[in-house]
Amino acid sequence: MAEKKSFRAAAKIVLISELYNGEYIQGDENSASYLKLNNDLQIIRVNLIGTIVMQESLGSINVLKIDDGSDIISLRFFDANHGLEKIEIGSVVIVVGRIREYNAERYIAAEVIKKVPARWLRHRALILQSQQTKITNEEKVSEVEQKSEENLESKEIKIESQLVSHEVKETITPKKTKVTKPNPVTIEKPNITSVDATTEPIKNLNNPYLELMSLISELDLGPGVALEVVVTKSQFDNTEELLKKMMESGDIFQNVPGKVKVL
């Protein structure tokens, strides 16, 4: 089970549809509840971007529904002062929260919600597409390696069978009979198709802002990305100017001096 930590678990970027495919594991006082996906990935907290399609209040609980294009899931707010007065049906938002299940219904116990520009939907789609492409390539590599091993094993068995057959014939042949030596058997190397397991990140050179947001998301392991690292990795000559404009527009922010994160 997922052990409880003194810090919050990282929020995973996933499609809403994936949240319905895994197995929900209920935690206890010593472990956190989590969702176990089919690829054994464990998810405690999620980071979603989508469009609000419903709002309602159930007593002291505010309930919204978010649609990211793959599916819809409920967001539940158990505390006040989440800035919901700025959110309405049709708003594009980013949400961070914990995956929960009650009475066979899965929902997100929302912690943070923020209204964002509609272009963020496209940016999130590019990130998810890049992740899926990498997973697909890794699966292809594994499949090719497995088939190659099977082909090699099959050829080795066939060769051993041929050698044993020739040895038996030589044994039962009379000494005066001329024995013809078997033709040498050539072991053919299996034809392994090369598959590039590394995924070339999706480029958005026509839109440097989306490219920089994607770069920061890829480099951010949790505590943010140093500005000098972003400048070094970027392909743009005016990266520092672009970062300044993105911070002014609210696309990114400095969580600590010298480091930036994507909202």
Protein backbone atom coordinates (compact mmCIF):
# COMPACT_ATOMS: atom_id res chain seq x y z
CA MET A 1 0.00 0.00 0.00
CA ALA A 2 1.07 3.61 -0.47
CA GLU A 3 2.85 4.76 2.71
CA LYS A 4 1.83 8.06 4.23
CA LYS A 5 4.56 10.68 3.99
CA SER A 6 5.17 13.90 5.90
CA PHE A 7 4.87 15.72 2.56
CA ARG A 8 2.16 15.66 -0.05
CA ALA A 9 2.46 13.15 -2.86
CA ALA A 10 3.18 14.57 -6.32
CA ALA A 11 0.09 15.30 -8.39
CA LYS A 12 0.12 13.12 -11.52
CA ILE A 13 -0.93 14.46 -14.93
CA VAL A 14 -3.44 11.94 -16.33
CA LEU A 15 -6.56 11.70 -18.46
CA ILE A 16 -9.83 11.51 -16.54
CA SER A 17 -10.67 8.28 -18.39
CA GLU A 18 -7.63 6.60 -16.77
CA LEU A 19 -9.07 7.28 -13.31
CA TYR A 20 -11.90 4.82 -14.04
CA ASN A 21 -9.67 1.97 -15.27
CA GLY A 22 -7.54 1.26 -12.21
CA GLU A 23 -8.26 -0.40 -8.87
CA TYR A 24 -8.95 1.86 -5.90
CA ILE A 25 -7.02 0.78 -2.79
CA GLN A 26 -8.52 2.04 0.47
CA GLY A 27 -5.90 3.27 2.94
CA ASP A 28 -5.87 3.26 6.74
CA GLU A 29 -4.20 5.22 9.54
CA ASN A 30 -0.77 4.06 8.39
CA SER A 31 -1.18 4.31 4.62
CA ALA A 32 -2.80 6.62 2.10
CA SER A 33 -5.59 5.59 -0.24
CA TYR A 34 -4.48 5.39 -3.86
CA LEU A 35 -5.48 4.30 -7.36
CA LYS A 36 -3.50 1.44 -8.91
CA LEU A 37 -3.54 1.64 -12.71
CA ASN A 38 -3.12 -1.31 -15.06
CA ASN A 39 0.57 -0.42 -15.56
CA ASP A 40 1.08 -0.62 -11.75
CA LEU A 41 1.37 3.16 -11.45
CA GLN A 42 0.05 4.34 -8.06
CA ILE A 43 -1.83 7.66 -7.99
CA ILE A 44 -2.67 9.52 -4.79
CA ARG A 45 -3.10 13.06 -6.13
CA VAL A 46 -3.96 14.23 -9.66
CA ASN A 47 -3.48 17.36 -11.75
CA LEU A 48 -6.32 17.89 -14.24
CA ILE A 49 -7.17 20.58 -16.80
CA GLY A 50 -10.65 20.68 -18.30
CA THR A 51 -13.91 22.54 -18.72
CA ILE A 52 -16.52 22.91 -15.98
CA VAL A 53 -19.81 21.44 -17.22
CA MET A 54 -21.89 21.41 -13.99
CA GLN A 55 -22.13 23.17 -10.62
CA GLU A 56 -24.29 22.41 -7.60
CA SER A 57 -24.30 22.55 -3.79
CA LEU A 58 -25.08 19.59 -1.55
CA GLY A 59 -25.43 21.15 1.88
CA SER A 60 -22.01 22.48 2.83
CA ILE A 61 -20.34 20.60 -0.06
CA ASN A 62 -19.83 22.28 -3.43
CA VAL A 63 -19.81 19.85 -6.37
CA LEU A 64 -18.52 20.63 -9.87
CA LYS A 65 -18.03 18.34 -12.85
CA ILE A 66 -14.99 18.67 -15.12
CA ASP A 67 -14.60 17.35 -18.69
CA ASP A 68 -11.13 16.99 -20.28
CA GLY A 69 -12.37 15.44 -23.52
CA SER A 70 -11.72 11.86 -22.44
CA ASP A 71 -14.36 11.63 -19.68
CA ILE A 72 -16.09 13.55 -16.87
CA ILE A 73 -15.47 13.35 -13.11
CA SER A 74 -16.89 15.13 -10.06
CA LEU A 75 -14.91 17.65 -8.03
CA ARG A 76 -15.97 17.98 -4.39
CA PHE A 77 -15.04 20.92 -2.17
CA PHE A 78 -15.55 20.25 1.53
CA ASP A 79 -14.11 23.58 2.70
CA ALA A 80 -15.04 27.15 1.87
CA ASN A 81 -12.81 29.88 0.38
CA HIS A 82 -11.63 27.97 -2.70
CA GLY A 83 -12.32 30.91 -5.01
CA LEU A 84 -15.33 29.16 -6.53
CA GLU A 85 -17.12 32.47 -7.01
CA LYS A 86 -14.88 33.05 -10.05
CA ILE A 87 -15.71 29.65 -11.57
CA GLU A 88 -18.75 29.14 -13.79
CA ILE A 89 -20.01 26.62 -16.31
CA GLY A 90 -17.75 26.81 -19.37
CA SER A 91 -14.69 27.94 -17.40
CA VAL A 92 -11.39 26.21 -18.21
CA VAL A 93 -9.69 25.32 -14.93
CA ILE A 94 -6.69 23.50 -13.50
CA VAL A 95 -7.46 21.32 -10.49
CA VAL A 96 -5.25 19.51 -7.99
CA GLY A 97 -6.76 17.03 -5.56
CA ARG A 98 -6.90 13.48 -4.20
CA ILE A 99 -8.67 10.59 -5.90
CA ARG A 100 -11.48 9.23 -3.72
CA GLU A 101 -14.20 6.58 -3.98
CA TYR A 102 -17.51 6.47 -2.10
CA ASN A 103 -20.44 4.15 -2.80
CA ALA A 104 -18.67 2.90 -5.95
CA GLU A 105 -18.41 6.48 -7.28
CA ARG A 106 -14.99 7.96 -7.93
CA TYR A 107 -14.43 11.67 -7.47
CA ILE A 108 -11.72 14.22 -6.74
CA ALA A 109 -11.46 15.76 -3.28
CA ALA A 110 -10.26 19.08 -4.68
CA GLU A 111 -7.52 21.03 -2.92
CA VAL A 112 -6.81 23.78 -5.45
CA ILE A 113 -8.79 25.12 -8.41
CA LYS A 114 -7.77 27.99 -10.66
CA LYS A 115 -9.27 29.47 -13.79
CA VAL A 116 -6.79 29.37 -16.71
CA PRO A 117 -6.73 30.45 -20.38
CA ALA A 118 -8.41 28.09 -22.84
CA ARG A 119 -5.09 27.54 -24.65
CA TRP A 120 -3.98 25.45 -21.66
CA LEU A 121 -6.26 22.67 -22.90
CA ARG A 122 -4.07 22.35 -26.00
CA HIS A 123 -0.89 22.45 -23.94
CA ARG A 124 -2.13 19.68 -21.63
CA ALA A 125 -3.19 17.58 -24.65
CA LEU A 126 0.37 17.83 -26.04
CA ILE A 127 1.88 16.69 -22.72
CA LEU A 128 -0.48 13.70 -22.49
CA GLN A 129 0.16 12.79 -26.14
CA SER A 130 3.91 12.84 -25.51
CA GLN A 131 3.50 10.57 -22.46
CA GLN A 132 1.36 8.09 -24.40
CA THR A 133 3.80 8.00 -27.33
CA LYS A 134 6.67 7.15 -24.97
CA ILE A 135 4.67 4.33 -23.34
CA THR A 136 3.72 2.93 -26.77
CA ASN A 137 7.35 2.89 -27.95
CA GLU A 138 8.49 1.12 -24.77
CA GLU A 139 5.81 -1.53 -25.30
CA LYS A 140 6.96 -2.05 -28.91
CA VAL A 141 10.57 -2.50 -27.81
CA SER A 142 9.53 -5.08 -25.23
CA GLU A 143 7.43 -6.96 -27.80
CA VAL A 144 10.28 -7.05 -30.36
CA GLU A 145 12.77 -8.28 -27.77
CA GLN A 146 10.40 -11.04 -26.66
CA LYS A 147 9.77 -12.23 -30.23
CA SER A 148 13.50 -12.21 -30.96
CA GLU A 149 14.21 -14.39 -27.93
CA GLU A 150 11.47 -16.82 -28.97
CA ASN A 151 12.82 -17.03 -32.54
CA LEU A 152 16.37 -17.61 -31.30
CA GLU A 153 15.24 -20.36 -28.92
CA SER A 154 13.25 -22.04 -31.70
CA LYS A 155 16.27 -22.02 -34.06
CA GLU A 156 18.55 -23.43 -31.34
CA ILE A 157 16.14 -26.30 -30.68
CA LYS A 158 15.92 -27.08 -34.42
CA ILE A 159 19.71 -27.09 -34.75
CA GLU A 160 20.15 -29.39 -31.75
CA SER A 161 17.57 -31.74 -33.23
CA GLN A 162 19.43 -31.86 -36.55
CA LEU A 163 22.78 -32.56 -34.85
CA VAL A 164 21.30 -35.38 -32.74
CA SER A 165 19.72 -36.90 -35.85
CA HIS A 166 23.07 -36.93 -37.69
CA GLU A 167 24.86 -38.45 -34.69
CA VAL A 168 22.30 -41.29 -34.54
CA LYS A 169 22.73 -42.03 -38.26
CA GLU A 170 26.52 -42.19 -37.90
CA THR A 171 26.22 -44.58 -34.96
CA ILE A 172 24.03 -47.14 -36.74
CA THR A 173 25.91 -46.99 -40.06
CA PRO A 174 28.27 -50.06 -40.70
CA LYS A 175 32.01 -49.22 -40.49
CA LYS A 176 32.62 -50.16 -44.13
CA THR A 177 29.93 -47.79 -45.33
CA LYS A 178 31.16 -44.39 -46.28
CA VAL A 179 29.67 -41.86 -43.97
CA THR A 180 28.75 -38.54 -45.41
CA LYS A 181 29.30 -35.71 -43.02
CA PRO A 182 26.34 -33.45 -42.52
CA ASN A 183 26.50 -30.04 -44.02
CA PRO A 184 27.49 -27.42 -41.49
CA VAL A 185 24.49 -25.75 -39.98
CA THR A 186 24.50 -22.01 -40.05
CA ILE A 187 22.89 -20.23 -37.14
CA GLU A 188 21.04 -17.24 -38.45
CA LYS A 189 20.93 -14.25 -36.23
CA PRO A 190 17.38 -13.14 -35.43
CA ASN A 191 16.25 -10.09 -37.27
CA ILE A 192 15.61 -7.59 -34.52
CA THR A 193 13.75 -4.55 -35.66
CA SER A 194 15.17 -1.48 -34.04
CA VAL A 195 12.63 0.61 -32.23
CA ASP A 196 13.61 3.92 -30.78
CA ALA A 197 12.39 3.82 -27.19
CA THR A 198 13.05 7.48 -26.62
CA THR A 199 10.32 9.85 -27.60
CA GLU A 200 11.23 13.07 -29.27
CA PRO A 201 9.41 15.80 -27.33
CA ILE A 202 6.68 17.51 -29.27
CA LYS A 203 7.94 20.86 -30.54
CA ASN A 204 5.90 24.04 -30.71
CA LEU A 205 8.45 26.32 -32.35
CA ASN A 206 5.63 28.44 -33.80
CA ASN A 207 4.51 29.18 -30.24
CA PRO A 208 7.53 29.68 -27.93
CA TYR A 209 5.30 30.12 -24.90
CA LEU A 210 3.75 26.65 -25.21
CA GLU A 211 7.20 25.17 -25.95
CA LEU A 212 8.66 26.72 -22.77
CA MET A 213 5.66 25.59 -20.68
CA SER A 214 6.13 22.04 -22.00
CA LEU A 215 9.89 22.19 -21.28
CA ILE A 216 9.32 23.40 -17.69
CA SER A 217 6.71 20.66 -17.10
CA GLU A 218 9.15 17.98 -18.34
CA LEU A 219 12.05 19.26 -16.19
CA ASP A 220 9.99 19.88 -13.04
CA LEU A 221 10.38 16.95 -10.63
CA GLY A 222 8.41 18.72 -7.89
CA PRO A 223 10.41 21.61 -6.40
CA GLY A 224 10.38 23.72 -9.59
CA VAL A 225 13.02 24.33 -12.30
CA ALA A 226 15.94 26.73 -12.00
CA LEU A 227 15.72 29.64 -14.46
CA GLU A 228 19.27 29.03 -15.70
CA VAL A 229 18.37 25.40 -16.49
CA VAL A 230 15.38 26.53 -18.57
CA VAL A 231 17.56 29.06 -20.42
CA THR A 232 20.21 26.38 -21.10
CA LYS A 233 17.71 23.79 -22.36
CA SER A 234 15.64 26.24 -24.42
CA GLN A 235 16.09 26.58 -28.18
CA PHE A 236 15.15 30.26 -28.16
CA ASP A 237 17.69 33.09 -28.02
CA ASN A 238 15.30 35.38 -26.10
CA THR A 239 14.32 32.83 -23.44
CA GLU A 240 14.84 35.22 -20.51
CA GLU A 241 12.54 37.81 -22.12
CA LEU A 242 9.92 35.12 -22.86
CA LEU A 243 10.04 33.83 -19.25
CA LYS A 244 9.55 37.34 -17.91
CA LYS A 245 6.45 37.85 -20.10
CA MET A 246 5.06 34.42 -19.05
CA MET A 247 5.45 35.33 -15.36
CA GLU A 248 3.71 38.67 -15.99
CA SER A 249 0.79 36.93 -17.75
CA GLY A 250 0.49 34.29 -15.01
CA ASP A 251 1.41 31.29 -17.18
CA ILE A 252 4.28 30.43 -14.81
CA PHE A 253 5.33 31.60 -11.36
CA GLN A 254 8.36 31.55 -9.09
CA ASN A 255 7.60 29.18 -6.21
CA VAL A 256 11.00 30.06 -4.70
CA PRO A 257 13.53 32.69 -5.84
CA GLY A 258 15.28 31.53 -8.98
CA LYS A 259 12.89 28.63 -9.72
CA VAL A 260 9.69 28.51 -11.78
CA LYS A 261 6.70 26.19 -12.05
CA VAL A 262 3.78 25.90 -14.45
CA LEU A 263 0.48 26.85 -12.84
